[in-house]
């Protein structure tokens, strides 16, 4: 299947009925309940603060703010390969997708973004310096869950400067098989000097499993078409024994 790029607004506009302080507190409470396992009280407080900030319209740095949550968890993620991340220039961090670690497996993304941000010390602009994450627009379950989770991902993902794509569909091996409509602007973000955190695997795999589905090369082909000299850096996340 050919994957197409679709130009869509990075962040949808939502009414005050959705994006207000009262709703933000409710969303923060729910998020705290979902992600609280393994977090200490300070970490849970930080989760609520980050969600309120994002929901009410402020930008949030994944590297400098969200990644702090990993420090407030009894679970940990070890990152391998960060020493090869260049200090500047268009870069793609090619990473694995594992099960385990803090924040219901989300901690691995935040920690890898932090490592990328720290390594790219010669980039002055924070927007370009911080590797962006590509996230799906919600959870592909029953319709109410899909709608509500899609709203959450749109708002919070936009605040985190993520690139939002459509909900994936998987084959029997867990590989993504549908077109997810990645924006052309996402390609330009990399080519123009930015960095991306790219997980070509579908569902979570063992940390020692490096098999990539054939369709995964589509993102690289689009990047290569624009700039064949983008730097590709393998970076691996390894959850500790408690998080597996």
C-alpha atoms as a PDB file:
ATOM      1  CA  UNK A   1       0.000   0.000   0.000  1.00  0.00           C
ATOM      2  CA  UNK A   2       1.342   3.421  -0.918  1.00  0.00           C
ATOM      3  CA  UNK A   3       1.446   5.864   1.983  1.00  0.00           C
ATOM      4  CA  UNK A   4       0.345   9.369   1.091  1.00  0.00           C
ATOM      5  CA  UNK A   5       1.087  12.656   2.760  1.00  0.00           C
ATOM      6  CA  UNK A   6      -1.817  14.841   3.726  1.00  0.00           C
ATOM      7  CA  UNK A   7      -1.599  18.496   4.634  1.00  0.00           C
ATOM      8  CA  UNK A   8      -3.686  19.153   7.747  1.00  0.00           C
ATOM      9  CA  UNK A   9      -3.531  21.759  10.501  1.00  0.00           C
ATOM     10  CA  UNK A  10      -1.020  20.827  13.190  1.00  0.00           C
ATOM     11  CA  UNK A  11      -3.413  21.586  16.009  1.00  0.00           C
ATOM     12  CA  UNK A  12      -7.180  21.803  15.703  1.00  0.00           C
ATOM     13  CA  UNK A  13      -9.048  24.644  17.349  1.00  0.00           C
ATOM     14  CA  UNK A  14     -11.322  23.564  20.176  1.00  0.00           C
ATOM     15  CA  UNK A  15     -13.993  25.621  21.897  1.00  0.00           C
ATOM     16  CA  UNK A  16     -13.756  27.054  25.398  1.00  0.00           C
ATOM     17  CA  UNK A  17     -16.297  24.427  26.457  1.00  0.00           C
ATOM     18  CA  UNK A  18     -13.566  21.841  25.880  1.00  0.00           C
ATOM     19  CA  UNK A  19     -10.399  23.759  26.700  1.00  0.00           C
ATOM     20  CA  UNK A  20     -11.042  25.370  30.055  1.00  0.00           C
ATOM     21  CA  UNK A  21      -9.537  25.001  33.514  1.00  0.00           C
ATOM     22  CA  UNK A  22     -12.377  22.862  34.900  1.00  0.00           C
ATOM     23  CA  UNK A  23     -12.204  20.315  32.084  1.00  0.00           C
ATOM     24  CA  UNK A  24      -8.406  20.386  32.311  1.00  0.00           C
ATOM     25  CA  UNK A  25      -8.563  19.372  35.985  1.00  0.00           C
ATOM     26  CA  UNK A  26     -10.887  16.489  35.102  1.00  0.00           C
ATOM     27  CA  UNK A  27      -8.577  15.295  32.302  1.00  0.00           C
ATOM     28  CA  UNK A  28      -5.589  15.614  34.651  1.00  0.00           C
ATOM     29  CA  UNK A  29      -7.366  13.454  37.240  1.00  0.00           C
ATOM     30  CA  UNK A  30      -8.107  10.718  34.673  1.00  0.00           C
ATOM     31  CA  UNK A  31      -4.553  10.823  33.300  1.00  0.00           C
ATOM     32  CA  UNK A  32      -3.176  10.539  36.807  1.00  0.00           C
ATOM     33  CA  UNK A  33      -5.261   7.402  37.370  1.00  0.00           C
ATOM     34  CA  UNK A  34      -4.035   5.849  34.119  1.00  0.00           C
ATOM     35  CA  UNK A  35      -0.318   6.633  34.528  1.00  0.00           C
ATOM     36  CA  UNK A  36       0.082   6.556  38.313  1.00  0.00           C
ATOM     37  CA  UNK A  37       1.540   3.032  38.596  1.00  0.00           C
ATOM     38  CA  UNK A  38       5.190   3.287  39.579  1.00  0.00           C
ATOM     39  CA  UNK A  39       5.107   7.053  40.128  1.00  0.00           C
ATOM     40  CA  UNK A  40       5.764   8.599  43.522  1.00  0.00           C
ATOM     41  CA  UNK A  41       3.449  11.381  44.842  1.00  0.00           C
ATOM     42  CA  UNK A  42       5.663  14.088  43.341  1.00  0.00           C
ATOM     43  CA  UNK A  43       5.500  12.384  39.961  1.00  0.00           C
ATOM     44  CA  UNK A  44       1.721  12.131  40.062  1.00  0.00           C
ATOM     45  CA  UNK A  45       1.525  15.816  40.927  1.00  0.00           C
ATOM     46  CA  UNK A  46       3.780  16.614  37.979  1.00  0.00           C
ATOM     47  CA  UNK A  47       1.538  14.583  35.635  1.00  0.00           C
ATOM     48  CA  UNK A  48      -1.461  16.668  36.664  1.00  0.00           C
ATOM     49  CA  UNK A  49       0.429  19.940  36.251  1.00  0.00           C
ATOM     50  CA  UNK A  50       1.660  19.008  32.767  1.00  0.00           C
ATOM     51  CA  UNK A  51      -1.804  17.965  31.569  1.00  0.00           C
ATOM     52  CA  UNK A  52      -3.447  21.144  32.870  1.00  0.00           C
ATOM     53  CA  UNK A  53      -0.770  23.258  31.192  1.00  0.00           C
ATOM     54  CA  UNK A  54      -1.143  21.421  27.878  1.00  0.00           C
ATOM     55  CA  UNK A  55      -4.950  21.318  27.927  1.00  0.00           C
ATOM     56  CA  UNK A  56      -5.302  25.025  28.586  1.00  0.00           C
ATOM     57  CA  UNK A  57      -3.183  25.985  25.575  1.00  0.00           C
ATOM     58  CA  UNK A  58       0.464  26.226  26.647  1.00  0.00           C
ATOM     59  CA  UNK A  59       3.336  24.503  24.902  1.00  0.00           C
ATOM     60  CA  UNK A  60       5.175  21.827  26.896  1.00  0.00           C
ATOM     61  CA  UNK A  61       8.747  20.652  26.304  1.00  0.00           C
ATOM     62  CA  UNK A  62       8.960  16.871  26.294  1.00  0.00           C
ATOM     63  CA  UNK A  63      12.711  16.928  26.951  1.00  0.00           C
ATOM     64  CA  UNK A  64      12.791  19.570  29.683  1.00  0.00           C
ATOM     65  CA  UNK A  65       9.416  18.984  31.376  1.00  0.00           C
ATOM     66  CA  UNK A  66       7.730  15.679  30.554  1.00  0.00           C
ATOM     67  CA  UNK A  67      10.906  13.575  30.805  1.00  0.00           C
ATOM     68  CA  UNK A  68      11.224  14.638  34.454  1.00  0.00           C
ATOM     69  CA  UNK A  69       8.435  12.149  35.184  1.00  0.00           C
ATOM     70  CA  UNK A  70      10.894   9.286  34.681  1.00  0.00           C
ATOM     71  CA  UNK A  71      12.921  10.588  37.618  1.00  0.00           C
ATOM     72  CA  UNK A  72       9.841  10.273  39.850  1.00  0.00           C
ATOM     73  CA  UNK A  73       9.251   6.595  39.050  1.00  0.00           C
ATOM     74  CA  UNK A  74      10.606   3.378  40.552  1.00  0.00           C
ATOM     75  CA  UNK A  75      10.824   1.989  37.012  1.00  0.00           C
ATOM     76  CA  UNK A  76      13.576   3.055  34.651  1.00  0.00           C
ATOM     77  CA  UNK A  77      14.609   3.022  31.006  1.00  0.00           C
ATOM     78  CA  UNK A  78      18.201   2.671  29.859  1.00  0.00           C
ATOM     79  CA  UNK A  79      19.032   4.386  26.567  1.00  0.00           C
ATOM     80  CA  UNK A  80      21.783   2.976  24.360  1.00  0.00           C
ATOM     81  CA  UNK A  81      23.348   4.732  21.350  1.00  0.00           C
ATOM     82  CA  UNK A  82      22.906   8.356  22.365  1.00  0.00           C
ATOM     83  CA  UNK A  83      26.656   9.005  22.035  1.00  0.00           C
ATOM     84  CA  UNK A  84      26.221   8.780  18.250  1.00  0.00           C
ATOM     85  CA  UNK A  85      23.583  11.539  18.038  1.00  0.00           C
ATOM     86  CA  UNK A  86      25.100  14.536  16.180  1.00  0.00           C
ATOM     87  CA  UNK A  87      25.175  17.928  17.852  1.00  0.00           C
ATOM     88  CA  UNK A  88      23.233  19.543  14.982  1.00  0.00           C
ATOM     89  CA  UNK A  89      21.725  18.964  11.566  1.00  0.00           C
ATOM     90  CA  UNK A  90      18.729  17.037  10.179  1.00  0.00           C
ATOM     91  CA  UNK A  91      18.486  13.829  12.182  1.00  0.00           C
ATOM     92  CA  UNK A  92      16.214  10.817  12.586  1.00  0.00           C
ATOM     93  CA  UNK A  93      16.553   8.732  15.735  1.00  0.00           C
ATOM     94  CA  UNK A  94      15.529   5.218  14.667  1.00  0.00           C
ATOM     95  CA  UNK A  95      14.316   3.532  17.829  1.00  0.00           C
ATOM     96  CA  UNK A  96      12.824   0.273  19.020  1.00  0.00           C
ATOM     97  CA  UNK A  97       9.373  -0.100  20.563  1.00  0.00           C
ATOM     98  CA  UNK A  98       9.501  -2.066  23.794  1.00  0.00           C
ATOM     99  CA  UNK A  99       7.127  -3.091  26.543  1.00  0.00           C
ATOM    100  CA  UNK A 100       7.985  -1.988  30.063  1.00  0.00           C
ATOM    101  CA  UNK A 101       9.261   0.994  31.951  1.00  0.00           C
ATOM    102  CA  UNK A 102       7.565   3.981  33.568  1.00  0.00           C
ATOM    103  CA  UNK A 103       4.309   5.669  32.580  1.00  0.00           C
ATOM    104  CA  UNK A 104       2.703   2.563  31.052  1.00  0.00           C
ATOM    105  CA  UNK A 105       5.526   2.221  28.497  1.00  0.00           C
ATOM    106  CA  UNK A 106       5.425   5.925  27.530  1.00  0.00           C
ATOM    107  CA  UNK A 107       8.551   6.740  29.516  1.00  0.00           C
ATOM    108  CA  UNK A 108      10.767   5.315  26.783  1.00  0.00           C
ATOM    109  CA  UNK A 109       9.627   7.955  24.291  1.00  0.00           C
ATOM    110  CA  UNK A 110      10.184  10.844  26.671  1.00  0.00           C
ATOM    111  CA  UNK A 111      13.627   9.599  27.713  1.00  0.00           C
ATOM    112  CA  UNK A 112      14.790   9.196  24.114  1.00  0.00           C
ATOM    113  CA  UNK A 113      13.573  12.698  23.262  1.00  0.00           C
ATOM    114  CA  UNK A 114      15.535  14.022  26.247  1.00  0.00           C
ATOM    115  CA  UNK A 115      18.684  12.205  25.125  1.00  0.00           C
ATOM    116  CA  UNK A 116      18.257  13.622  21.627  1.00  0.00           C
ATOM    117  CA  UNK A 117      17.710  17.131  22.978  1.00  0.00           C
ATOM    118  CA  UNK A 118      20.781  16.952  25.225  1.00  0.00           C
ATOM    119  CA  UNK A 119      22.987  15.675  22.395  1.00  0.00           C
ATOM    120  CA  UNK A 120      21.850  18.363  19.912  1.00  0.00           C
ATOM    121  CA  UNK A 121      23.537  21.087  21.958  1.00  0.00           C
ATOM    122  CA  UNK A 122      24.647  23.146  18.950  1.00  0.00           C
ATOM    123  CA  UNK A 123      21.051  23.812  17.853  1.00  0.00           C
ATOM    124  CA  UNK A 124      19.929  27.173  19.234  1.00  0.00           C
ATOM    125  CA  UNK A 125      16.196  26.958  18.507  1.00  0.00           C
ATOM    126  CA  UNK A 126      14.446  24.623  20.980  1.00  0.00           C
ATOM    127  CA  UNK A 127      11.747  23.718  18.451  1.00  0.00           C
ATOM    128  CA  UNK A 128      14.404  22.341  16.092  1.00  0.00           C
ATOM    129  CA  UNK A 129      16.619  20.966  18.833  1.00  0.00           C
ATOM    130  CA  UNK A 130      13.985  18.717  20.441  1.00  0.00           C
ATOM    131  CA  UNK A 131      13.208  15.545  18.434  1.00  0.00           C
ATOM    132  CA  UNK A 132       9.478  15.370  17.730  1.00  0.00           C
ATOM    133  CA  UNK A 133       7.357  12.267  18.263  1.00  0.00           C
ATOM    134  CA  UNK A 134       4.854  10.924  15.732  1.00  0.00           C
ATOM    135  CA  UNK A 135       1.720   9.847  17.614  1.00  0.00           C
ATOM    136  CA  UNK A 136      -1.602   8.387  16.536  1.00  0.00           C
ATOM    137  CA  UNK A 137      -4.883  10.292  16.752  1.00  0.00           C
ATOM    138  CA  UNK A 138      -6.488   8.298  19.553  1.00  0.00           C
ATOM    139  CA  UNK A 139      -7.039   4.628  20.316  1.00  0.00           C
ATOM    140  CA  UNK A 140      -8.632   2.320  17.748  1.00  0.00           C
ATOM    141  CA  UNK A 141     -11.268   0.731  19.958  1.00  0.00           C
ATOM    142  CA  UNK A 142     -14.995   1.407  20.262  1.00  0.00           C
ATOM    143  CA  UNK A 143     -16.208   4.681  18.788  1.00  0.00           C
ATOM    144  CA  UNK A 144     -16.691   6.691  22.036  1.00  0.00           C
ATOM    145  CA  UNK A 145     -13.183   5.736  23.180  1.00  0.00           C
ATOM    146  CA  UNK A 146     -11.774   6.597  19.766  1.00  0.00           C
ATOM    147  CA  UNK A 147     -13.436  10.026  19.768  1.00  0.00           C
ATOM    148  CA  UNK A 148     -12.475  10.974  23.325  1.00  0.00           C
ATOM    149  CA  UNK A 149      -8.935   9.647  23.074  1.00  0.00           C
ATOM    150  CA  UNK A 150      -8.576  11.373  19.707  1.00  0.00           C
ATOM    151  CA  UNK A 151      -9.490  14.677  21.321  1.00  0.00           C
ATOM    152  CA  UNK A 152      -6.897  14.051  24.025  1.00  0.00           C
ATOM    153  CA  UNK A 153      -4.148  13.227  21.543  1.00  0.00           C
ATOM    154  CA  UNK A 154      -4.980  16.236  19.373  1.00  0.00           C
ATOM    155  CA  UNK A 155      -4.756  18.699  22.242  1.00  0.00           C
ATOM    156  CA  UNK A 156      -1.951  17.223  24.318  1.00  0.00           C
ATOM    157  CA  UNK A 157       0.024  16.039  21.279  1.00  0.00           C
ATOM    158  CA  UNK A 158      -0.195  19.535  19.822  1.00  0.00           C
ATOM    159  CA  UNK A 159       1.052  21.036  23.089  1.00  0.00           C
ATOM    160  CA  UNK A 160       3.989  18.601  23.013  1.00  0.00           C
ATOM    161  CA  UNK A 161       4.809  19.640  19.393  1.00  0.00           C
ATOM    162  CA  UNK A 162       4.111  16.097  18.173  1.00  0.00           C
ATOM    163  CA  UNK A 163       3.090  15.176  14.639  1.00  0.00           C
ATOM    164  CA  UNK A 164      -0.376  13.584  14.741  1.00  0.00           C
ATOM    165  CA  UNK A 165      -1.315  10.736  12.382  1.00  0.00           C
ATOM    166  CA  UNK A 166      -4.388   8.572  11.942  1.00  0.00           C
ATOM    167  CA  UNK A 167      -5.072   5.502  14.099  1.00  0.00           C
ATOM    168  CA  UNK A 168      -3.053   2.544  12.800  1.00  0.00           C
ATOM    169  CA  UNK A 169      -4.426  -0.764  11.599  1.00  0.00           C
ATOM    170  CA  UNK A 170      -2.353  -3.878  12.225  1.00  0.00           C
ATOM    171  CA  UNK A 171      -1.874  -7.217  10.499  1.00  0.00           C
ATOM    172  CA  UNK A 172      -1.527 -10.518  12.356  1.00  0.00           C
ATOM    173  CA  UNK A 173       2.173  -9.804  13.025  1.00  0.00           C
ATOM    174  CA  UNK A 174       1.428  -6.468  14.649  1.00  0.00           C
ATOM    175  CA  UNK A 175       2.779  -4.392  11.744  1.00  0.00           C
ATOM    176  CA  UNK A 176       0.974  -1.206  10.687  1.00  0.00           C
ATOM    177  CA  UNK A 177      -0.625  -1.689   7.253  1.00  0.00           C
ATOM    178  CA  UNK A 178      -2.725   1.427   6.608  1.00  0.00           C
ATOM    179  CA  UNK A 179      -1.818   4.910   5.405  1.00  0.00           C
ATOM    180  CA  UNK A 180      -1.710   7.255   8.399  1.00  0.00           C
ATOM    181  CA  UNK A 181      -1.581  10.577   6.536  1.00  0.00           C
ATOM    182  CA  UNK A 182       1.611  12.095   7.854  1.00  0.00           C
ATOM    183  CA  UNK A 183       1.812  15.808   7.012  1.00  0.00           C
ATOM    184  CA  UNK A 184       4.389  17.009   4.454  1.00  0.00           C
ATOM    185  CA  UNK A 185       5.357  19.598   7.083  1.00  0.00           C
ATOM    186  CA  UNK A 186       6.661  16.761   9.263  1.00  0.00           C
ATOM    187  CA  UNK A 187       9.181  15.873   6.559  1.00  0.00           C
ATOM    188  CA  UNK A 188      10.195  19.519   6.276  1.00  0.00           C
ATOM    189  CA  UNK A 189      10.731  19.737  10.036  1.00  0.00           C
ATOM    190  CA  UNK A 190      13.501  17.166   9.706  1.00  0.00           C
ATOM    191  CA  UNK A 191      14.984  18.368   6.422  1.00  0.00           C
ATOM    192  CA  UNK A 192      15.134  21.982   7.617  1.00  0.00           C
ATOM    193  CA  UNK A 193      17.418  21.055  10.506  1.00  0.00           C
ATOM    194  CA  UNK A 194      15.126  19.395  13.021  1.00  0.00           C
ATOM    195  CA  UNK A 195      15.029  15.888  14.441  1.00  0.00           C
ATOM    196  CA  UNK A 196      12.449  13.129  14.701  1.00  0.00           C
ATOM    197  CA  UNK A 197      12.016  10.158  17.010  1.00  0.00           C
ATOM    198  CA  UNK A 198      10.882   7.369  14.689  1.00  0.00           C
ATOM    199  CA  UNK A 199       9.646   3.948  15.817  1.00  0.00           C
ATOM    200  CA  UNK A 200       9.238   1.871  12.634  1.00  0.00           C
ATOM    201  CA  UNK A 201       8.073  -1.222  14.519  1.00  0.00           C
ATOM    202  CA  UNK A 202       4.350  -1.669  15.053  1.00  0.00           C
ATOM    203  CA  UNK A 203       3.355  -2.959  18.479  1.00  0.00           C
ATOM    204  CA  UNK A 204       5.740  -3.416  21.395  1.00  0.00           C
ATOM    205  CA  UNK A 205       8.523  -5.952  20.889  1.00  0.00           C
ATOM    206  CA  UNK A 206      11.280  -7.490  22.948  1.00  0.00           C
ATOM    207  CA  UNK A 207      14.274  -5.117  23.404  1.00  0.00           C
ATOM    208  CA  UNK A 208      16.416  -7.602  21.451  1.00  0.00           C
ATOM    209  CA  UNK A 209      13.978  -7.792  18.503  1.00  0.00           C
ATOM    210  CA  UNK A 210      15.085  -5.406  15.756  1.00  0.00           C
ATOM    211  CA  UNK A 211      12.821  -6.631  12.948  1.00  0.00           C
ATOM    212  CA  UNK A 212      11.233  -3.780  11.003  1.00  0.00           C
ATOM    213  CA  UNK A 213       8.209  -4.312   8.744  1.00  0.00           C
ATOM    214  CA  UNK A 214       8.692  -3.603   5.040  1.00  0.00           C
ATOM    215  CA  UNK A 215       6.222  -0.715   5.084  1.00  0.00           C
ATOM    216  CA  UNK A 216       8.404   1.073   7.633  1.00  0.00           C
ATOM    217  CA  UNK A 217      10.752   2.282   4.904  1.00  0.00           C
ATOM    218  CA  UNK A 218       8.107   4.675   3.557  1.00  0.00           C
ATOM    219  CA  UNK A 219       9.068   7.421   6.008  1.00  0.00           C
ATOM    220  CA  UNK A 220      12.739   7.148   5.026  1.00  0.00           C
ATOM    221  CA  UNK A 221      11.895   7.268   1.321  1.00  0.00           C
ATOM    222  CA  UNK A 222      10.062  10.543   1.811  1.00  0.00           C
ATOM    223  CA  UNK A 223      12.969  11.983   3.773  1.00  0.00           C
ATOM    224  CA  UNK A 224      15.482  10.729   1.192  1.00  0.00           C
ATOM    225  CA  UNK A 225      13.489  12.353  -1.615  1.00  0.00           C
ATOM    226  CA  UNK A 226      13.931  15.734   0.096  1.00  0.00           C
ATOM    227  CA  UNK A 227      17.446  15.320   1.470  1.00  0.00           C
ATOM    228  CA  UNK A 228      19.540  12.167   1.138  1.00  0.00           C
ATOM    229  CA  UNK A 229      22.063  13.410   3.715  1.00  0.00           C
ATOM    230  CA  UNK A 230      19.756  13.363   6.745  1.00  0.00           C
ATOM    231  CA  UNK A 231      21.613  11.631   9.595  1.00  0.00           C
ATOM    232  CA  UNK A 232      20.139   8.292  10.715  1.00  0.00           C
ATOM    233  CA  UNK A 233      21.008   7.229  14.262  1.00  0.00           C
ATOM    234  CA  UNK A 234      19.917   3.923  15.875  1.00  0.00           C
ATOM    235  CA  UNK A 235      18.908   4.475  19.500  1.00  0.00           C
ATOM    236  CA  UNK A 236      17.640   1.664  21.721  1.00  0.00           C
ATOM    237  CA  UNK A 237      15.524   1.774  24.888  1.00  0.00           C
ATOM    238  CA  UNK A 238      15.922  -1.033  27.413  1.00  0.00           C
ATOM    239  CA  UNK A 239      13.489  -1.235  30.360  1.00  0.00           C
ATOM    240  CA  UNK A 240      14.796  -2.400  33.724  1.00  0.00           C
ATOM    241  CA  UNK A 241      13.819  -5.776  35.167  1.00  0.00           C
ATOM    242  CA  UNK A 242      11.006  -4.259  37.219  1.00  0.00           C
ATOM    243  CA  UNK A 243       9.435  -2.689  34.147  1.00  0.00           C
ATOM    244  CA  UNK A 244       9.391  -5.774  31.926  1.00  0.00           C
END
